[in-house]
Amino acid sequence: MFRMCLGEDAEHLSAAEQVAIERLIATRWRLLMDGDRVNTKSEDGSNACAAYLEAVDVAAATLRLDKAPRTYRENFTINYRALFPDQARNYRVDVLEAGFEQYATIWVNGDKFEFSAEAMRRAEALQRAWWDLGSVLERWSQASRQPQWTQRPSRSELRTSLVALDFAWASFEHKYIAELIEIEEKARRLIVRAIEHERTVTSFEEQYPESTWQNVPGYVEAQKSLVGSIGHLNSVANVRRKGRDDLVVNVLFDAMNTLRRCDRAEQGGEVSERLIAARILANDVVESYQAMRQYLREVAHCLERVDPHLCNNTGLVARLADWEEGWELGTRYMQHEKLLNALCDLVAEIRRAQRIAPALTGMCEDVDVELFMVLPRMIWLRFLAEPKQHAELLRSLLPHRFAKSADVKGDRAFQEEGVAEQPTWDDGLEAFLVKYRGVWAMLEKRGGGGSAGGNSDQAPWEILVKRVVGGSGSGIEGCHMDKEAEAAVEDLMRALEPWSIELQRNAPEDWNQCSAILVQCLTRPSEKTKPGPFRV
């Protein structure tokens, strides 16, 4: 009491205050430095910095210092209010790091955003306050080690430096977080724009019957805008696949029209096996698009949960990856009628081959590794049997074997039809065709292999299918052939293997797509896997 009357208490540190300052100095010595900057990048450096900031907070509270006003936090978005829930000092390492790094620009979703000059000025003020406090604490340390040479800072100096740091910190935090929120809102505009386009499409669909949608000009434009927005989202957020932004709305309309044609064909009694591939491809296009639209409807109610770095949103990325895969295949096959027809025929013939060689059914059901040896052989058999129908499929996988030049030899049967621009292929493929036709003619002439009463075309086909499925020595058991015919079949199979390998290795990505479609069509799951709970 006597000291207070004399006015000396203002500079007197209580025992608790001295302990708080000593702890602050001890944690300061444990800071990791990179030159003249605090290391916050490494885990150890970040932990040491967090301990120091906590000690600063404790020291300020122990000295009963007034806090800088932080009512601005009430205007933060819900995500930042979770990080800054009240008016406490709440010194965070990431805020300090931002103040010292002073990044004038940041990149989000491929777009450049700039912080204001005022934010940079406040960052510099925070740095000065930080170093000023460090200087005061350094003098305290020196005074403790060499009291005869250095005078310990007064209580008022400690209070002034701690208060100055707090006000500089709050000033920078306010400006920095406010501008971050503004940047994040701009970064989310990609998804907001897609949501708006989806609502426009939905409003058209609610006004008009489905049978008239494609004849409504406004609807077509709305779909085009929505697909464009999804493509833009895909280009910046889809880190699981290519991130294509060139997939167009016509893929959707082609898929919808294909599904209608399939329905009409089945109602007219057409064999459904020939429609499996077309229906599966079209369904994937439509269903992946509808799933993307459903995501946009749901995320519209929780935009604050969307990470502005869109590639960090697992639900969005999953929907985009599914959409891109379905539409990429749709673009490749749905928009090329000859390619789609060849694929449909191939699926139907492989399913017919399963009845001829039951082992193929087991391979498909188990997705056995042997299946991926048999599939390229089956593709070649169908091409060799119907080169005109399957030329486009083979051209898509082996473009170097095909051309439209008079310099390259084409199939004589094509040339005799006198149709311009018919597919042509190189000499190697022509020789392979000649070999196949020779073997076929031999089997057809001798009537080997078919069941009693089978037609002449069926007999050679059954022999060749059994051979490519069963392999050497076991594939043609029960087929009645003389040794010369057996030798011719084996010679054809030996010639087939290099072509099968080339089919798989020439363009691996295209082959993987093609084989994946075939497997999906042949296994034909009863229903698609239902999506799990909504994820942002």
Protein backbone atom coordinates (compact mmCIF):
# COMPACT_ATOMS: atom_id res chain seq x y z
CA MET A 1 0.00 0.00 0.00
CA PHE A 2 2.84 2.36 0.89
CA ARG A 3 4.45 1.64 -2.54
CA MET A 4 1.17 2.43 -4.29
CA CYS A 5 0.94 5.75 -2.47
CA LEU A 6 4.43 6.60 -3.66
CA GLY A 7 3.46 5.72 -7.25
CA GLU A 8 6.02 2.96 -7.56
CA ASP A 9 3.57 0.05 -8.12
CA ALA A 10 3.12 0.83 -11.81
CA GLU A 11 6.62 -0.49 -12.58
CA HIS A 12 6.59 -3.39 -10.15
CA LEU A 13 6.12 -6.87 -11.61
CA SER A 14 4.30 -9.35 -9.46
CA ALA A 15 5.68 -12.87 -9.10
CA ALA A 16 3.03 -14.21 -11.52
CA GLU A 17 3.89 -11.54 -14.06
CA GLN A 18 7.61 -12.31 -13.84
CA VAL A 19 6.90 -16.03 -14.35
CA ALA A 20 4.79 -15.21 -17.41
CA ILE A 21 7.56 -13.02 -18.89
CA GLU A 22 10.25 -15.63 -18.19
CA ARG A 23 8.11 -18.27 -19.86
CA LEU A 24 7.60 -15.96 -22.85
CA ILE A 25 11.35 -15.48 -23.18
CA ALA A 26 12.00 -19.22 -22.88
CA THR A 27 9.55 -20.04 -25.69
CA ARG A 28 11.07 -17.26 -27.80
CA TRP A 29 14.46 -18.96 -27.62
CA ARG A 30 12.90 -22.13 -28.95
CA LEU A 31 11.65 -20.46 -32.13
CA LEU A 32 13.21 -21.93 -35.28
CA MET A 33 14.54 -19.30 -37.65
CA ASP A 34 15.17 -19.23 -41.41
CA GLY A 35 17.52 -16.28 -41.66
CA ASP A 36 15.60 -13.35 -40.22
CA ARG A 37 12.22 -15.09 -40.50
CA VAL A 38 10.43 -17.43 -38.14
CA ASN A 39 10.19 -20.96 -39.51
CA THR A 40 6.49 -21.85 -39.65
CA LYS A 41 6.65 -24.28 -42.58
CA SER A 42 8.04 -27.32 -40.78
CA GLU A 43 6.06 -29.17 -38.12
CA ASP A 44 8.65 -28.40 -35.41
CA GLY A 45 8.83 -24.77 -36.44
CA SER A 46 5.04 -24.40 -36.45
CA ASN A 47 4.74 -26.03 -33.02
CA ALA A 48 7.45 -23.79 -31.55
CA CYS A 49 5.75 -20.71 -32.99
CA ALA A 50 2.37 -21.79 -31.60
CA ALA A 51 3.91 -22.21 -28.14
CA TYR A 52 5.42 -18.71 -28.33
CA LEU A 53 2.12 -17.14 -29.44
CA GLU A 54 0.33 -18.86 -26.56
CA ALA A 55 2.96 -17.47 -24.16
CA VAL A 56 2.36 -13.97 -25.59
CA ASP A 57 -1.37 -14.36 -24.92
CA VAL A 58 -0.76 -15.62 -21.37
CA ALA A 59 1.67 -12.77 -20.64
CA ALA A 60 -0.81 -10.16 -21.88
CA ALA A 61 -3.59 -11.68 -19.79
CA THR A 62 -1.36 -11.90 -16.70
CA LEU A 63 -0.42 -8.22 -17.10
CA ARG A 64 -4.17 -7.49 -17.43
CA LEU A 65 -3.73 -5.67 -20.73
CA ASP A 66 -6.73 -4.44 -22.69
CA LYS A 67 -7.36 -6.35 -25.90
CA ALA A 68 -7.77 -4.71 -29.29
CA PRO A 69 -11.45 -4.76 -30.36
CA ARG A 70 -12.33 -7.79 -32.46
CA THR A 71 -16.00 -7.23 -33.13
CA TYR A 72 -15.22 -7.47 -36.87
CA ARG A 73 -15.17 -11.26 -36.45
CA GLU A 74 -18.95 -11.19 -36.22
CA ASN A 75 -18.99 -10.48 -39.97
CA PHE A 76 -16.79 -13.46 -40.83
CA THR A 77 -18.31 -16.39 -42.74
CA ILE A 78 -19.24 -19.50 -40.81
CA ASN A 79 -15.94 -21.20 -41.67
CA TYR A 80 -13.85 -18.38 -40.24
CA ARG A 81 -16.15 -17.94 -37.24
CA ALA A 82 -15.29 -21.55 -36.42
CA LEU A 83 -11.62 -20.54 -36.36
CA PHE A 84 -12.29 -17.27 -34.49
CA PRO A 85 -15.33 -18.09 -32.33
CA ASP A 86 -15.11 -15.21 -29.85
CA GLN A 87 -13.30 -11.96 -29.01
CA ALA A 88 -10.23 -13.70 -27.54
CA ARG A 89 -6.82 -12.81 -28.93
CA ASN A 90 -6.51 -16.24 -30.53
CA TYR A 91 -3.11 -15.72 -32.13
CA ARG A 92 -2.80 -18.22 -34.99
CA VAL A 93 0.38 -19.36 -36.71
CA ASP A 94 -1.19 -19.15 -40.19
CA VAL A 95 -2.09 -15.47 -39.68
CA LEU A 96 1.47 -14.70 -38.57
CA GLU A 97 2.83 -16.61 -41.56
CA ALA A 98 0.64 -14.59 -43.92
CA GLY A 99 1.84 -11.37 -42.33
CA PHE A 100 5.48 -12.27 -42.81
CA GLU A 101 5.21 -13.85 -46.27
CA GLN A 102 3.34 -10.80 -47.60
CA TYR A 103 2.07 -12.56 -50.69
CA ALA A 104 0.60 -9.79 -52.82
CA THR A 105 -1.10 -12.37 -55.07
CA ILE A 106 -2.54 -15.84 -54.68
CA TRP A 107 -3.83 -18.31 -57.26
CA VAL A 108 -7.12 -20.13 -56.74
CA ASN A 109 -8.64 -22.46 -59.38
CA GLY A 110 -6.21 -21.10 -61.95
CA ASP A 111 -7.24 -17.47 -61.37
CA LYS A 112 -5.00 -14.74 -59.98
CA PHE A 113 -6.17 -12.67 -57.00
CA GLU A 114 -4.35 -9.70 -55.46
CA PHE A 115 -4.37 -8.41 -51.90
CA SER A 116 -4.76 -4.67 -51.45
CA ALA A 117 -1.91 -2.26 -50.68
CA GLU A 118 -3.59 -1.60 -47.33
CA ALA A 119 -3.34 -5.29 -46.42
CA MET A 120 0.37 -5.20 -47.25
CA ARG A 121 0.84 -2.06 -45.15
CA ARG A 122 -0.82 -3.69 -42.16
CA ALA A 123 1.37 -6.77 -42.63
CA GLU A 124 4.46 -4.54 -42.40
CA ALA A 125 3.10 -2.93 -39.22
CA LEU A 126 2.61 -6.39 -37.69
CA GLN A 127 6.21 -7.31 -38.54
CA ARG A 128 7.51 -4.14 -36.86
CA ALA A 129 5.47 -4.80 -33.71
CA TRP A 130 6.70 -8.40 -33.68
CA TRP A 131 10.37 -7.38 -33.85
CA ASP A 132 9.86 -4.56 -31.30
CA LEU A 133 8.54 -7.05 -28.76
CA GLY A 134 11.44 -9.38 -29.58
CA SER A 135 13.88 -6.51 -28.96
CA VAL A 136 12.36 -5.78 -25.54
CA LEU A 137 12.51 -9.47 -24.56
CA GLU A 138 16.11 -9.69 -25.77
CA ARG A 139 17.07 -6.79 -23.46
CA TRP A 140 15.36 -8.59 -20.57
CA SER A 141 17.44 -11.69 -21.29
CA GLN A 142 20.67 -9.70 -21.50
CA ALA A 143 19.88 -7.94 -18.23
CA SER A 144 19.35 -11.30 -16.55
CA ARG A 145 22.73 -12.55 -17.84
CA GLN A 146 24.72 -9.30 -17.45
CA PRO A 147 22.87 -6.97 -15.03
CA GLN A 148 25.91 -4.70 -14.70
CA TRP A 149 25.84 -3.86 -18.42
CA THR A 150 22.17 -3.93 -19.39
CA GLN A 151 19.14 -2.44 -17.70
CA ARG A 152 16.05 -4.62 -17.65
CA PRO A 153 13.05 -3.18 -19.53
CA SER A 154 10.42 -1.57 -17.36
CA ARG A 155 6.94 -2.98 -16.85
CA SER A 156 5.48 -0.14 -18.94
CA GLU A 157 7.80 -1.03 -21.85
CA LEU A 158 6.63 -4.64 -21.75
CA ARG A 159 3.01 -3.54 -21.59
CA THR A 160 3.48 -1.09 -24.48
CA SER A 161 5.14 -3.63 -26.77
CA LEU A 162 2.55 -6.34 -26.01
CA VAL A 163 -0.35 -3.92 -26.59
CA ALA A 164 1.23 -2.65 -29.82
CA LEU A 165 1.61 -6.21 -31.10
CA ASP A 166 -2.00 -7.03 -30.23
CA PHE A 167 -3.41 -3.98 -32.03
CA ALA A 168 -1.18 -4.53 -35.08
CA TRP A 169 -2.20 -8.19 -35.09
CA ALA A 170 -5.93 -7.46 -34.92
CA SER A 171 -5.60 -4.80 -37.64
CA PHE A 172 -3.88 -7.22 -40.03
CA GLU A 173 -6.15 -10.13 -39.14
CA HIS A 174 -9.22 -8.01 -39.87
CA LYS A 175 -8.03 -6.88 -43.31
CA TYR A 176 -6.42 -10.16 -44.31
CA ILE A 177 -9.36 -12.40 -43.43
CA ALA A 178 -11.89 -9.96 -44.95
CA GLU A 179 -10.00 -10.01 -48.25
CA LEU A 180 -9.59 -13.78 -48.09
CA ILE A 181 -13.36 -14.11 -47.71
CA GLU A 182 -13.86 -11.85 -50.73
CA ILE A 183 -11.36 -13.91 -52.77
CA GLU A 184 -13.03 -17.16 -51.73
CA GLU A 185 -16.44 -15.84 -52.76
CA LYS A 186 -15.04 -15.00 -56.18
CA ALA A 187 -13.40 -18.44 -56.39
CA ARG A 188 -16.75 -20.09 -55.65
CA ARG A 189 -18.44 -18.18 -58.48
CA LEU A 190 -17.67 -21.10 -60.82
CA ILE A 191 -19.92 -23.36 -58.83
CA VAL A 192 -22.48 -20.61 -58.15
CA ARG A 193 -22.73 -19.98 -61.90
CA ALA A 194 -23.29 -23.71 -62.54
CA ILE A 195 -26.02 -23.75 -59.89
CA GLU A 196 -27.76 -20.83 -61.57
CA HIS A 197 -27.65 -22.55 -64.98
CA GLU A 198 -28.98 -25.77 -63.45
CA ARG A 199 -31.94 -23.87 -62.00
CA THR A 200 -32.67 -22.39 -65.41
CA VAL A 201 -32.69 -25.85 -67.01
CA THR A 202 -34.94 -27.16 -64.25
CA SER A 203 -37.42 -24.32 -64.79
CA PHE A 204 -37.69 -25.23 -68.50
CA GLU A 205 -38.20 -28.89 -67.67
CA GLU A 206 -41.00 -28.01 -65.29
CA GLN A 207 -42.75 -25.90 -67.94
CA TYR A 208 -42.56 -28.21 -70.97
CA PRO A 209 -43.17 -31.95 -71.54
CA GLU A 210 -40.02 -34.03 -72.04
CA SER A 211 -40.89 -34.92 -75.64
CA THR A 212 -40.62 -31.22 -76.63
CA TRP A 213 -37.49 -30.19 -74.73
CA GLN A 214 -35.04 -30.35 -77.62
CA ASN A 215 -37.41 -28.25 -79.77
CA VAL A 216 -37.47 -25.38 -77.26
CA PRO A 217 -34.66 -22.94 -78.24
CA GLY A 218 -34.31 -21.54 -74.74
CA TYR A 219 -33.95 -25.02 -73.29
CA VAL A 220 -31.18 -26.00 -75.69
CA GLU A 221 -29.26 -22.82 -74.87
CA ALA A 222 -29.76 -23.35 -71.14
CA GLN A 223 -28.40 -26.89 -71.41
CA LYS A 224 -25.47 -25.62 -73.42
CA SER A 225 -24.68 -23.03 -70.72
CA LEU A 226 -24.96 -25.63 -67.96
CA VAL A 227 -22.68 -28.08 -69.76
CA GLY A 228 -20.20 -25.24 -70.38
CA SER A 229 -20.20 -24.40 -66.66
CA ILE A 230 -19.69 -28.04 -65.70
CA GLY A 231 -16.83 -28.25 -68.21
CA HIS A 232 -15.20 -25.17 -66.66
CA LEU A 233 -15.59 -26.69 -63.19
CA ASN A 234 -14.11 -29.92 -64.52
CA SER A 235 -11.06 -28.16 -65.92
CA VAL A 236 -10.10 -26.64 -62.55
CA ALA A 237 -11.35 -29.22 -60.03
CA ASN A 238 -11.11 -32.68 -61.58
CA VAL A 239 -7.72 -33.88 -60.36
CA ARG A 240 -8.63 -37.55 -60.78
CA ARG A 241 -8.87 -37.46 -64.58
CA LYS A 242 -7.93 -35.15 -67.46
CA GLY A 243 -10.06 -32.15 -66.53
CA ARG A 244 -11.52 -31.78 -70.03
CA ASP A 245 -13.55 -28.68 -70.87
CA ASP A 246 -14.31 -29.57 -74.51
CA LEU A 247 -17.24 -31.96 -73.96
CA VAL A 248 -20.33 -30.48 -75.60
CA VAL A 249 -24.07 -30.68 -75.00
CA ASN A 250 -24.66 -32.62 -78.24
CA VAL A 251 -23.33 -35.70 -76.44
CA LEU A 252 -26.31 -35.47 -74.07
CA PHE A 253 -28.86 -35.05 -76.85
CA ASP A 254 -27.33 -37.95 -78.81
CA ALA A 255 -27.54 -40.14 -75.72
CA MET A 256 -31.18 -39.22 -75.08
CA ASN A 257 -32.07 -39.93 -78.72
CA THR A 258 -30.20 -43.26 -78.59
CA LEU A 259 -32.19 -44.34 -75.54
CA ARG A 260 -35.43 -43.53 -77.38
CA ARG A 261 -34.27 -45.55 -80.41
CA CYS A 262 -33.40 -48.48 -78.15
CA ASP A 263 -36.85 -48.34 -76.55
CA ARG A 264 -38.57 -48.27 -79.95
CA ALA A 265 -36.40 -51.12 -81.28
CA GLU A 266 -37.13 -53.34 -78.30
CA GLN A 267 -40.84 -52.59 -78.57
CA GLY A 268 -40.60 -53.60 -82.23
CA GLY A 269 -39.08 -56.95 -81.31
CA GLU A 270 -35.43 -56.27 -82.23
CA VAL A 271 -32.90 -58.53 -80.51
CA SER A 272 -31.98 -56.76 -77.29
CA GLU A 273 -28.40 -58.11 -77.25
CA ARG A 274 -27.52 -55.82 -80.14
CA LEU A 275 -28.70 -52.83 -78.10
CA ILE A 276 -26.80 -53.52 -74.87
CA ALA A 277 -23.71 -51.44 -75.69
CA ALA A 278 -25.69 -48.49 -77.02
CA ARG A 279 -27.99 -48.45 -74.00
CA ILE A 280 -25.15 -48.72 -71.47
CA LEU A 281 -23.15 -45.90 -73.09
CA ALA A 282 -26.20 -43.66 -73.36
CA ASN A 283 -27.26 -44.38 -69.77
CA ASP A 284 -23.77 -43.49 -68.51
CA VAL A 285 -23.95 -40.13 -70.27
CA VAL A 286 -27.42 -39.29 -68.96
CA GLU A 287 -26.98 -40.68 -65.43
CA SER A 288 -23.59 -39.02 -64.81
CA TYR A 289 -25.10 -35.71 -65.95
CA GLN A 290 -28.14 -36.13 -63.69
CA ALA A 291 -25.84 -36.98 -60.76
CA MET A 292 -23.87 -33.79 -61.43
CA ARG A 293 -27.09 -31.77 -61.51
CA GLN A 294 -28.25 -33.35 -58.25
CA TYR A 295 -24.94 -32.38 -56.65
CA LEU A 296 -25.44 -28.77 -57.73
CA ARG A 297 -28.95 -28.74 -56.23
CA GLU A 298 -27.70 -30.04 -52.90
CA VAL A 299 -24.55 -27.96 -52.64
CA ALA A 300 -26.61 -24.81 -53.25
CA HIS A 301 -27.85 -25.16 -49.65
CA CYS A 302 -24.37 -25.32 -48.10
CA LEU A 303 -22.09 -23.15 -50.22
CA GLU A 304 -20.21 -22.01 -47.13
CA ARG A 305 -18.90 -25.58 -46.81
CA VAL A 306 -17.38 -25.53 -50.30
CA ASP A 307 -13.60 -25.25 -50.20
CA PRO A 308 -12.71 -22.35 -52.54
CA HIS A 309 -9.89 -24.52 -53.87
CA LEU A 310 -12.47 -26.61 -55.70
CA CYS A 311 -10.18 -29.60 -56.20
CA ASN A 312 -10.28 -30.14 -52.41
CA ASN A 313 -14.02 -30.98 -52.44
CA THR A 314 -14.13 -34.78 -52.64
CA GLY A 315 -17.82 -34.99 -53.55
CA LEU A 316 -17.46 -32.51 -56.39
CA VAL A 317 -14.37 -34.25 -57.76
CA ALA A 318 -16.09 -37.66 -57.66
CA ARG A 319 -19.11 -36.36 -59.61
CA LEU A 320 -16.91 -34.60 -62.16
CA ALA A 321 -14.71 -37.66 -62.68
CA ASP A 322 -17.80 -39.80 -63.31
CA TRP A 323 -19.24 -37.16 -65.66
CA GLU A 324 -16.04 -36.81 -67.67
CA GLU A 325 -15.61 -40.57 -68.04
CA GLY A 326 -19.18 -41.09 -69.24
CA TRP A 327 -19.14 -38.14 -71.62
CA GLU A 328 -15.71 -38.94 -72.98
CA LEU A 329 -16.91 -42.41 -73.97
CA GLY A 330 -20.15 -40.90 -75.25
CA THR A 331 -18.20 -38.48 -77.43
CA ARG A 332 -16.05 -41.29 -78.80
CA TYR A 333 -18.82 -43.78 -79.54
CA MET A 334 -22.27 -42.13 -79.40
CA GLN A 335 -21.31 -39.45 -81.88
CA HIS A 336 -19.88 -41.92 -84.42
CA GLU A 337 -22.64 -44.16 -85.74
CA LYS A 338 -20.35 -46.66 -87.50
CA LEU A 339 -18.22 -47.01 -84.39
CA LEU A 340 -21.29 -47.53 -82.21
CA ASN A 341 -22.78 -50.08 -84.62
CA ALA A 342 -19.52 -52.02 -84.65
CA LEU A 343 -19.42 -52.04 -80.86
CA CYS A 344 -23.03 -53.21 -80.63
CA ASP A 345 -22.40 -55.99 -83.13
CA LEU A 346 -19.25 -57.04 -81.30
CA VAL A 347 -21.07 -57.32 -77.95
CA ALA A 348 -23.87 -59.36 -79.55
CA GLU A 349 -21.39 -61.73 -81.23
CA ILE A 350 -19.35 -62.22 -78.06
CA ARG A 351 -22.53 -63.10 -76.19
CA ARG A 352 -23.33 -65.57 -78.94
CA ALA A 353 -19.79 -66.91 -78.58
CA GLN A 354 -20.51 -67.56 -74.89
CA ARG A 355 -23.08 -70.15 -75.95
CA ILE A 356 -20.56 -71.76 -78.30
CA ALA A 357 -17.73 -71.74 -75.72
CA PRO A 358 -19.25 -71.71 -72.18
CA ALA A 359 -15.81 -71.06 -70.65
CA LEU A 360 -16.09 -67.51 -72.00
CA THR A 361 -19.14 -66.92 -69.78
CA GLY A 362 -17.11 -67.80 -66.70
CA MET A 363 -14.29 -65.48 -67.78
CA CYS A 364 -16.76 -62.61 -68.13
CA GLU A 365 -18.47 -63.25 -64.81
CA ASP A 366 -15.16 -63.44 -62.95
CA VAL A 367 -13.47 -60.77 -65.10
CA ASP A 368 -10.67 -63.29 -65.36
CA VAL A 369 -7.27 -62.22 -66.65
CA GLU A 370 -7.74 -64.67 -69.55
CA LEU A 371 -10.70 -62.58 -70.69
CA PHE A 372 -8.33 -59.77 -71.64
CA MET A 373 -6.39 -62.17 -73.85
CA VAL A 374 -9.58 -63.41 -75.52
CA LEU A 375 -11.20 -60.00 -76.16
CA PRO A 376 -8.66 -58.72 -78.71
CA ARG A 377 -8.83 -62.06 -80.53
CA MET A 378 -12.63 -61.81 -80.71
CA ILE A 379 -12.39 -58.27 -82.07
CA TRP A 380 -10.09 -59.46 -84.80
CA LEU A 381 -12.34 -62.41 -85.65
CA ARG A 382 -15.29 -60.06 -86.11
CA PHE A 383 -13.23 -57.70 -88.27
CA LEU A 384 -11.93 -60.55 -90.40
CA ALA A 385 -15.47 -61.86 -90.83
CA GLU A 386 -17.09 -58.44 -91.44
CA PRO A 387 -14.33 -55.96 -92.36
CA LYS A 388 -16.71 -53.34 -93.71
CA GLN A 389 -18.79 -53.26 -90.52
CA HIS A 390 -15.84 -53.24 -88.12
CA ALA A 391 -13.30 -51.14 -89.99
CA GLU A 392 -14.11 -47.97 -88.02
CA LEU A 393 -13.60 -49.72 -84.68
CA LEU A 394 -10.22 -51.08 -85.79
CA ARG A 395 -9.30 -47.69 -87.29
CA SER A 396 -9.98 -46.03 -83.89
CA LEU A 397 -7.52 -48.41 -82.22
CA LEU A 398 -4.94 -48.82 -85.01
CA PRO A 399 -5.13 -45.63 -87.08
CA HIS A 400 -1.70 -46.21 -88.59
CA ARG A 401 -3.01 -49.35 -90.30
CA PHE A 402 -5.75 -47.43 -92.09
CA ALA A 403 -5.84 -44.57 -94.57
CA LYS A 404 -7.95 -43.04 -97.32
CA SER A 405 -5.16 -42.91 -99.80
CA ALA A 406 -4.95 -44.72 -103.13
CA ASP A 407 -1.43 -45.71 -102.11
CA VAL A 408 -2.76 -48.12 -99.51
CA LYS A 409 -4.35 -51.38 -100.57
CA GLY A 410 -8.01 -51.74 -99.68
CA ASP A 411 -10.33 -54.70 -99.49
CA ARG A 412 -11.39 -55.79 -103.00
CA ALA A 413 -14.97 -56.35 -101.88
CA PHE A 414 -15.14 -52.69 -100.87
CA GLN A 415 -13.70 -51.49 -104.13
CA GLU A 416 -16.18 -53.49 -106.15
CA GLU A 417 -19.07 -51.68 -104.46
CA GLY A 418 -17.81 -48.46 -105.97
CA VAL A 419 -18.45 -46.42 -102.82
CA ALA A 420 -16.19 -43.39 -102.42
CA GLU A 421 -13.92 -42.99 -99.39
CA GLN A 422 -14.27 -46.60 -98.22
CA PRO A 423 -11.84 -47.64 -95.47
CA THR A 424 -8.51 -48.92 -96.72
CA TRP A 425 -5.67 -50.61 -94.90
CA ASP A 426 -2.05 -51.52 -95.36
CA ASP A 427 -0.51 -54.58 -97.01
CA GLY A 428 0.07 -56.38 -93.70
CA LEU A 429 -3.59 -56.26 -92.79
CA GLU A 430 -4.61 -57.21 -96.32
CA ALA A 431 -2.38 -60.30 -96.13
CA PHE A 432 -3.95 -61.24 -92.80
CA LEU A 433 -7.42 -60.97 -94.36
CA VAL A 434 -6.36 -63.19 -97.27
CA LYS A 435 -5.03 -65.82 -94.85
CA TYR A 436 -8.28 -65.74 -92.85
CA ARG A 437 -10.45 -66.11 -95.96
CA GLY A 438 -8.38 -69.05 -97.08
CA VAL A 439 -8.86 -70.85 -93.78
CA TRP A 440 -12.56 -70.00 -93.73
CA ALA A 441 -13.02 -71.34 -97.27
CA MET A 442 -11.22 -74.57 -96.33
CA LEU A 443 -13.41 -75.10 -93.24
CA GLU A 444 -16.55 -74.17 -95.11
CA LYS A 445 -15.76 -76.55 -97.98
CA ARG A 446 -15.05 -79.46 -95.68
CA GLY A 447 -18.01 -78.70 -93.36
CA GLY A 448 -15.90 -79.31 -90.30
CA GLY A 449 -16.68 -78.56 -86.71
CA GLY A 450 -20.36 -77.63 -86.75
CA SER A 451 -23.07 -79.54 -84.98
CA ALA A 452 -25.29 -81.76 -87.06
CA GLY A 453 -27.65 -79.74 -89.15
CA GLY A 454 -25.64 -76.52 -88.64
CA ASN A 455 -25.29 -74.15 -91.58
CA SER A 456 -22.04 -73.77 -93.45
CA ASP A 457 -21.29 -70.31 -92.01
CA GLN A 458 -21.85 -71.45 -88.45
CA ALA A 459 -19.41 -74.38 -88.65
CA PRO A 460 -16.18 -72.37 -89.35
CA TRP A 461 -17.22 -69.66 -86.87
CA GLU A 462 -17.76 -72.21 -84.08
CA ILE A 463 -14.35 -73.76 -84.72
CA LEU A 464 -12.55 -70.40 -84.61
CA VAL A 465 -14.45 -69.16 -81.53
CA LYS A 466 -13.70 -72.36 -79.61
CA ARG A 467 -10.05 -72.08 -80.57
CA VAL A 468 -9.55 -68.44 -79.50
CA VAL A 469 -11.37 -69.06 -76.20
CA GLY A 470 -9.93 -72.46 -75.32
CA GLY A 471 -6.38 -71.95 -76.52
CA SER A 472 -4.00 -74.36 -78.21
CA GLY A 473 -4.77 -78.05 -77.83
CA SER A 474 -8.04 -77.62 -75.94
CA GLY A 475 -10.13 -75.16 -77.87
CA ILE A 476 -11.45 -77.36 -80.69
CA GLU A 477 -12.20 -80.63 -78.97
CA GLY A 478 -15.20 -82.27 -80.58
CA CYS A 479 -14.68 -80.44 -83.88
CA HIS A 480 -14.24 -82.95 -86.70
CA MET A 481 -11.39 -81.74 -88.87
CA ASP A 482 -8.66 -83.44 -90.82
CA LYS A 483 -5.04 -82.68 -90.06
CA GLU A 484 -4.67 -80.21 -92.90
CA ALA A 485 -7.61 -78.14 -91.61
CA GLU A 486 -6.26 -78.29 -88.03
CA ALA A 487 -2.86 -77.13 -89.26
CA ALA A 488 -4.48 -74.24 -91.15
CA VAL A 489 -6.44 -73.15 -88.04
CA GLU A 490 -3.30 -73.29 -85.88
CA ASP A 491 -1.38 -71.29 -88.48
CA LEU A 492 -4.12 -68.64 -88.43
CA MET A 493 -4.04 -68.52 -84.62
CA ARG A 494 -0.27 -68.00 -84.64
CA ALA A 495 -0.75 -65.15 -87.10
CA LEU A 496 -3.52 -63.72 -84.90
CA GLU A 497 -1.43 -63.30 -81.73
CA PRO A 498 0.87 -60.46 -82.92
CA TRP A 499 -2.20 -58.57 -84.16
CA SER A 500 -3.90 -59.05 -80.79
CA ILE A 501 -0.85 -57.71 -78.96
CA GLU A 502 -0.62 -54.72 -81.31
CA LEU A 503 -4.30 -53.97 -80.68
CA GLN A 504 -3.64 -53.72 -76.93
CA ARG A 505 -0.33 -51.88 -77.01
CA ASN A 506 -0.60 -49.38 -79.83
CA ALA A 507 -2.86 -46.94 -77.93
CA PRO A 508 -3.19 -48.33 -74.38
CA GLU A 509 -5.64 -45.68 -73.16
CA ASP A 510 -8.00 -46.21 -76.12
CA TRP A 511 -7.75 -49.97 -75.72
CA ASN A 512 -8.47 -49.76 -71.98
CA GLN A 513 -11.58 -47.69 -72.71
CA CYS A 514 -12.78 -50.13 -75.36
CA SER A 515 -12.15 -53.23 -73.21
CA ALA A 516 -13.81 -51.58 -70.20
CA ILE A 517 -16.97 -50.96 -72.24
CA LEU A 518 -16.97 -54.54 -73.50
CA VAL A 519 -16.57 -55.93 -69.97
CA GLN A 520 -19.35 -53.69 -68.69
CA CYS A 521 -21.66 -54.80 -71.50
CA LEU A 522 -20.82 -58.47 -71.05
CA THR A 523 -21.18 -58.51 -67.28
CA ARG A 524 -24.22 -56.20 -67.46
CA PRO A 525 -24.77 -55.40 -63.76
CA SER A 526 -28.41 -55.33 -62.71
CA GLU A 527 -28.13 -51.79 -61.44
CA LYS A 528 -25.54 -49.10 -61.05
CA THR A 529 -23.93 -48.60 -57.65
CA LYS A 530 -25.99 -46.07 -55.76
CA PRO A 531 -24.11 -42.97 -54.62
CA GLY A 532 -23.43 -42.69 -50.89
CA PRO A 533 -24.35 -39.80 -48.61
CA PHE A 534 -23.89 -36.32 -50.04
CA ARG A 535 -20.35 -34.99 -49.73
CA VAL A 536 -19.24 -31.50 -50.64
